[in-house]
N, C-alpha and C. Protein backbone atom coordinates (compact mmCIF):
# COMPACT_ATOMS: atom_id res chain seq x y z
N MET A 1 296.23 87.07 97.23
CA MET A 1 294.72 86.78 97.44
C MET A 1 294.27 88.31 97.90
N THR A 2 292.96 88.38 97.32
CA THR A 2 292.22 89.71 97.61
C THR A 2 291.75 89.70 99.06
N ARG A 3 291.35 90.98 99.35
CA ARG A 3 290.72 91.04 100.69
C ARG A 3 289.73 90.30 101.05
N PRO A 4 288.66 89.96 100.26
CA PRO A 4 287.66 89.07 100.88
C PRO A 4 287.92 87.71 100.86
N ARG A 5 288.69 87.32 99.95
CA ARG A 5 289.19 85.82 100.18
C ARG A 5 290.09 85.60 101.41
N LEU A 6 290.90 86.50 101.56
CA LEU A 6 291.73 86.57 102.81
C LEU A 6 290.82 86.51 104.23
N LEU A 7 289.86 87.50 104.03
CA LEU A 7 289.08 87.62 105.21
C LEU A 7 288.01 86.17 105.52
N ARG A 8 287.69 85.62 104.45
CA ARG A 8 286.87 84.21 104.32
C ARG A 8 287.84 83.43 105.03
N ALA A 9 289.08 83.20 104.53
CA ALA A 9 290.05 82.22 104.99
C ALA A 9 290.29 82.40 106.54
N GLY A 10 290.44 83.55 106.79
CA GLY A 10 290.66 84.13 108.40
C GLY A 10 289.23 83.61 109.15
N TYR A 11 288.10 83.96 108.89
CA TYR A 11 287.04 83.54 109.49
C TYR A 11 287.11 82.19 109.56
N PHE A 12 287.29 81.38 108.35
CA PHE A 12 287.04 79.93 108.66
C PHE A 12 288.35 79.35 109.52
N LEU A 13 289.23 79.74 109.46
CA LEU A 13 290.32 79.29 110.46
C LEU A 13 290.07 79.79 111.85
N GLY A 14 289.62 80.89 112.10
CA GLY A 14 289.18 81.39 113.35
C GLY A 14 287.91 80.66 113.93
N GLY A 15 287.09 80.32 113.02
CA GLY A 15 285.90 79.61 113.46
C GLY A 15 286.21 78.10 113.67
N ALA A 16 287.25 77.61 112.94
CA ALA A 16 287.72 76.07 113.30
C ALA A 16 288.45 76.12 114.68
N TRP A 17 289.38 77.05 114.90
CA TRP A 17 290.25 77.18 116.16
C TRP A 17 289.09 77.30 117.28
N VAL A 18 288.20 78.19 117.21
CA VAL A 18 287.32 78.42 118.27
C VAL A 18 286.31 77.22 118.50
N THR A 19 285.90 76.61 117.39
CA THR A 19 285.31 75.28 117.66
C THR A 19 286.03 74.35 118.39
N TYR A 20 287.27 74.07 117.97
CA TYR A 20 288.15 73.29 118.65
C TYR A 20 288.38 73.54 120.32
N CYS A 21 288.36 74.85 120.43
CA CYS A 21 288.50 75.32 121.91
C CYS A 21 287.26 75.06 122.74
N ALA A 22 286.14 75.37 121.95
CA ALA A 22 284.86 74.88 122.59
C ALA A 22 284.73 73.54 123.07
N VAL A 23 285.20 72.55 122.17
CA VAL A 23 284.98 71.17 122.46
C VAL A 23 285.89 70.70 123.55
N VAL A 24 287.26 71.19 123.45
CA VAL A 24 288.11 70.70 124.33
C VAL A 24 287.58 71.41 125.85
N SER A 25 287.12 72.53 125.71
CA SER A 25 286.79 73.21 127.22
C SER A 25 285.52 72.31 127.66
N ALA A 26 284.68 71.99 126.81
CA ALA A 26 283.54 71.16 127.29
C ALA A 26 283.90 69.83 127.77
N GLN A 27 284.77 68.97 127.06
CA GLN A 27 285.25 67.82 127.59
C GLN A 27 286.15 68.02 128.82
N ALA A 28 286.75 69.01 129.15
CA ALA A 28 287.61 69.26 130.24
C ALA A 28 286.76 69.68 131.63
N GLY A 29 285.40 69.95 131.35
CA GLY A 29 284.33 70.29 132.28
C GLY A 29 284.51 71.67 132.63
N ALA A 30 284.56 72.62 131.58
CA ALA A 30 284.53 74.14 131.78
C ALA A 30 283.30 74.58 130.83
N PRO A 31 282.11 74.34 131.27
CA PRO A 31 280.86 74.80 130.37
C PRO A 31 280.89 76.24 130.11
N ALA A 32 281.20 77.10 131.08
CA ALA A 32 281.28 78.51 131.03
C ALA A 32 282.30 78.94 129.78
N THR A 33 283.45 78.38 129.92
CA THR A 33 284.47 78.60 128.99
C THR A 33 283.87 78.24 127.48
N ALA A 34 283.41 76.99 127.50
CA ALA A 34 282.99 76.49 126.37
C ALA A 34 281.70 77.47 125.78
N ALA A 35 280.95 77.99 126.55
CA ALA A 35 279.81 78.80 126.27
C ALA A 35 280.39 80.15 125.60
N ALA A 36 281.46 80.53 126.33
CA ALA A 36 282.16 81.85 125.60
C ALA A 36 282.72 81.64 124.54
N PHE A 37 283.30 80.60 124.07
CA PHE A 37 283.84 80.23 122.71
C PHE A 37 282.61 80.00 121.70
N VAL A 38 281.69 79.41 122.18
CA VAL A 38 280.40 79.26 121.29
C VAL A 38 280.02 80.87 120.90
N VAL A 39 280.11 81.64 121.90
CA VAL A 39 279.54 83.25 121.84
C VAL A 39 280.48 83.67 120.59
N VAL A 40 281.75 83.59 120.84
CA VAL A 40 282.83 84.18 119.87
C VAL A 40 282.60 83.46 118.57
N LEU A 41 282.22 82.10 118.41
CA LEU A 41 281.99 81.59 117.12
C LEU A 41 280.75 82.26 116.38
N GLY A 42 279.77 82.39 117.14
CA GLY A 42 278.53 83.22 116.57
C GLY A 42 279.05 84.67 116.07
N LEU A 43 279.69 85.31 117.01
CA LEU A 43 280.06 86.59 116.34
C LEU A 43 281.28 86.49 115.18
N LEU A 44 281.97 85.41 114.94
CA LEU A 44 282.80 85.20 113.68
C LEU A 44 281.72 84.89 112.58
N LEU A 45 280.66 84.23 112.89
CA LEU A 45 279.63 83.82 111.79
C LEU A 45 279.18 85.21 111.45
N VAL A 46 278.57 86.17 112.23
CA VAL A 46 277.91 87.31 111.82
C VAL A 46 278.90 88.24 111.06
N ALA A 47 280.21 88.24 111.63
CA ALA A 47 281.11 89.03 110.77
C ALA A 47 281.36 88.39 109.34
N ALA A 48 281.18 87.26 109.15
CA ALA A 48 281.60 86.65 107.75
C ALA A 48 280.41 86.92 107.11
N ILE A 49 279.24 86.64 107.53
CA ILE A 49 278.07 87.02 106.58
C ILE A 49 278.13 88.46 106.36
N ARG A 50 278.42 89.37 107.14
CA ARG A 50 278.32 90.62 107.06
C ARG A 50 279.41 91.03 106.01
N GLU A 51 280.45 90.60 106.00
CA GLU A 51 281.39 90.83 104.95
C GLU A 51 280.90 90.33 103.59
N ALA A 52 280.38 89.17 103.43
CA ALA A 52 279.90 88.58 102.17
C ALA A 52 278.92 89.70 101.70
N GLU A 53 277.98 90.19 102.55
CA GLU A 53 276.87 91.32 102.09
C GLU A 53 277.66 92.57 101.71
N LEU A 54 278.52 93.02 102.31
CA LEU A 54 279.40 94.20 101.92
C LEU A 54 280.05 94.01 100.50
N THR A 55 280.68 92.74 100.23
CA THR A 55 281.25 92.47 99.19
C THR A 55 280.32 92.57 98.01
N TYR A 56 279.15 91.92 98.11
CA TYR A 56 277.98 92.08 97.19
C TYR A 56 277.75 93.49 96.81
N VAL A 57 277.40 94.42 97.93
CA VAL A 57 277.06 95.72 97.96
C VAL A 57 278.17 96.55 97.15
N ARG A 58 279.38 96.23 97.42
CA ARG A 58 280.47 96.89 96.59
C ARG A 58 280.44 96.62 95.35
N ALA A 59 280.24 95.38 94.86
CA ALA A 59 279.96 94.86 93.33
C ALA A 59 279.08 95.58 92.85
N VAL A 60 277.68 95.61 93.38
CA VAL A 60 276.85 96.17 92.80
C VAL A 60 277.04 97.85 92.59
N ALA A 61 277.72 98.47 93.59
CA ALA A 61 277.92 99.86 93.45
C ALA A 61 278.98 100.11 92.25
N ALA A 62 279.93 99.18 92.23
CA ALA A 62 280.95 99.16 90.99
C ALA A 62 280.08 99.14 89.89
N ASP A 63 279.10 98.21 89.57
CA ASP A 63 278.45 97.97 88.35
C ASP A 63 277.48 99.37 88.11
N LEU A 64 276.92 99.87 89.07
CA LEU A 64 276.08 101.07 88.93
C LEU A 64 277.12 102.18 88.41
N ARG A 65 278.30 102.47 89.10
CA ARG A 65 279.10 103.50 88.60
C ARG A 65 279.67 103.19 87.31
N LEU A 66 279.83 101.97 86.79
CA LEU A 66 280.16 101.67 85.36
C LEU A 66 278.99 101.97 84.34
N ALA A 67 277.93 101.76 84.90
CA ALA A 67 276.59 101.91 84.06
C ALA A 67 276.52 103.43 83.88
N LEU A 68 276.74 104.27 85.09
CA LEU A 68 276.51 105.81 84.86
C LEU A 68 277.60 106.32 83.97
N ARG A 69 278.80 105.86 84.07
CA ARG A 69 279.75 106.28 83.30
C ARG A 69 279.54 105.99 81.90
N VAL A 70 279.09 104.79 81.51
CA VAL A 70 278.73 104.55 80.18
C VAL A 70 277.61 105.40 79.60
N HIS A 71 276.43 105.71 80.43
CA HIS A 71 275.46 106.37 80.11
C HIS A 71 275.82 107.84 79.69
N THR A 72 276.78 108.47 80.57
CA THR A 72 276.90 109.78 80.30
C THR A 72 278.04 109.96 79.46
N THR A 73 277.78 109.41 77.92
CA THR A 73 278.74 109.65 77.04
C THR A 73 278.42 111.24 76.61
N ARG A 74 279.16 111.59 75.53
CA ARG A 74 279.23 112.95 75.25
C ARG A 74 277.85 113.12 74.29
N ALA A 75 277.38 112.31 73.66
CA ALA A 75 276.01 112.26 73.05
C ALA A 75 274.91 112.82 73.94
N ALA A 76 274.98 111.76 75.13
CA ALA A 76 273.84 111.71 76.04
C ALA A 76 273.92 113.28 76.73
N ARG A 77 275.22 113.71 77.08
CA ARG A 77 275.20 114.81 77.60
C ARG A 77 274.77 116.08 76.72
N ARG A 78 274.93 115.95 75.44
CA ARG A 78 274.38 117.00 74.48
C ARG A 78 272.89 116.89 74.42
N ALA A 79 272.33 115.84 74.40
CA ALA A 79 270.93 115.60 74.47
C ALA A 79 270.17 116.38 75.88
N ASP A 80 271.06 116.04 76.86
CA ASP A 80 270.46 116.63 78.12
C ASP A 80 270.76 118.23 78.14
N TYR A 81 271.84 118.75 77.70
CA TYR A 81 272.05 120.28 77.50
C TYR A 81 270.94 120.88 76.57
N ALA A 82 270.64 120.01 75.65
CA ALA A 82 269.54 120.51 74.61
C ALA A 82 268.24 120.70 75.21
N ALA A 83 267.96 119.82 76.03
CA ALA A 83 266.61 119.81 76.84
C ALA A 83 266.55 120.80 77.68
N LEU A 84 267.89 121.12 78.42
CA LEU A 84 267.67 122.21 79.32
C LEU A 84 267.84 123.70 78.62
N ASP A 85 268.51 123.78 77.61
CA ASP A 85 268.29 125.06 76.87
C ASP A 85 266.92 125.07 76.32
N GLY A 86 266.20 124.18 75.97
CA GLY A 86 264.70 124.31 75.53
C GLY A 86 263.82 124.84 76.66
N ALA A 87 264.18 124.72 77.95
CA ALA A 87 263.44 125.07 78.97
C ALA A 87 263.34 126.43 79.35
N CYS A 88 264.39 127.16 78.64
CA CYS A 88 264.18 128.65 78.89
C CYS A 88 262.89 129.24 78.41
N CYS A 89 262.38 128.77 77.45
CA CYS A 89 261.19 129.02 76.61
C CYS A 89 259.84 128.69 77.34
N LEU A 90 259.80 128.20 78.50
CA LEU A 90 258.70 127.74 79.23
C LEU A 90 258.05 129.08 79.82
N PRO A 91 256.71 129.15 79.82
CA PRO A 91 256.06 130.25 80.45
C PRO A 91 256.55 130.39 81.98
N GLY A 92 256.66 129.36 82.77
CA GLY A 92 257.04 129.45 84.18
C GLY A 92 258.26 130.28 84.24
N TRP A 93 259.08 130.35 83.32
CA TRP A 93 260.53 131.19 83.40
C TRP A 93 260.07 132.68 83.44
N GLU A 94 259.21 132.86 82.55
CA GLU A 94 258.69 134.37 82.38
C GLU A 94 258.26 134.90 83.61
N SER A 95 257.48 134.19 84.12
CA SER A 95 256.72 134.54 85.66
C SER A 95 257.72 134.80 86.65
N ARG A 96 258.81 133.92 86.59
CA ARG A 96 259.72 134.18 87.64
C ARG A 96 260.85 135.37 87.35
N GLY A 97 260.71 136.16 86.36
CA GLY A 97 261.38 137.11 86.00
C GLY A 97 262.73 136.84 85.32
N ALA A 98 262.88 135.72 84.95
CA ALA A 98 264.22 135.37 84.29
C ALA A 98 264.22 135.89 82.98
N THR A 99 265.40 136.36 82.55
CA THR A 99 265.62 136.92 81.14
C THR A 99 265.71 135.78 80.25
N HIS A 100 265.25 136.20 78.90
CA HIS A 100 265.53 135.30 77.73
C HIS A 100 266.43 135.64 76.82
N SER A 101 267.28 134.88 76.23
CA SER A 101 268.14 135.22 75.12
C SER A 101 267.45 135.65 73.88
N ASN A 102 267.82 136.34 72.98
CA ASN A 102 267.25 136.47 71.64
C ASN A 102 267.05 135.37 70.75
N THR A 103 268.07 134.24 71.11
CA THR A 103 267.89 132.92 70.24
C THR A 103 266.68 132.19 70.61
N CYS A 104 265.91 132.38 71.79
CA CYS A 104 264.87 131.52 72.16
C CYS A 104 263.77 131.68 71.44
N THR A 105 263.54 130.52 70.49
CA THR A 105 262.43 130.55 69.35
C THR A 105 261.23 130.63 70.04
N GLY A 106 260.79 129.97 71.18
CA GLY A 106 259.44 129.89 71.51
C GLY A 106 259.09 131.07 72.44
N ARG A 107 259.90 132.25 72.56
CA ARG A 107 259.70 133.39 73.32
C ARG A 107 258.60 134.08 72.63
N THR A 108 257.51 134.65 73.40
CA THR A 108 256.65 135.52 72.81
C THR A 108 257.13 136.95 73.15
N PRO A 109 257.02 137.88 72.22
CA PRO A 109 257.35 139.27 72.50
C PRO A 109 256.72 139.76 73.55
N ALA A 110 257.32 140.60 74.38
CA ALA A 110 256.48 141.19 75.35
C ALA A 110 256.11 142.74 75.06
């Protein structure tokens, strides 16, 4: 069993047990104990909902990591590097004192 399924089973079994304890406590005339079991049941419910949301978030994060890995193929990286190499010819680079290589085609002679 995977971790989320094991946790769901634990939450379900724990919730069933706490519900049983709350009912038995209420029938035995201990309303404070029954109320405590109801609070514990609420905490189990919140934990189960939180775990379900975390499982969803983990699945979305895994999908995003996979999409980024697919996007950053060798061809995409070459295109990005080519775009960065072309940035050396921008006038802003000259005004900031950066030196240009002689291979920069858009460079104006100083």
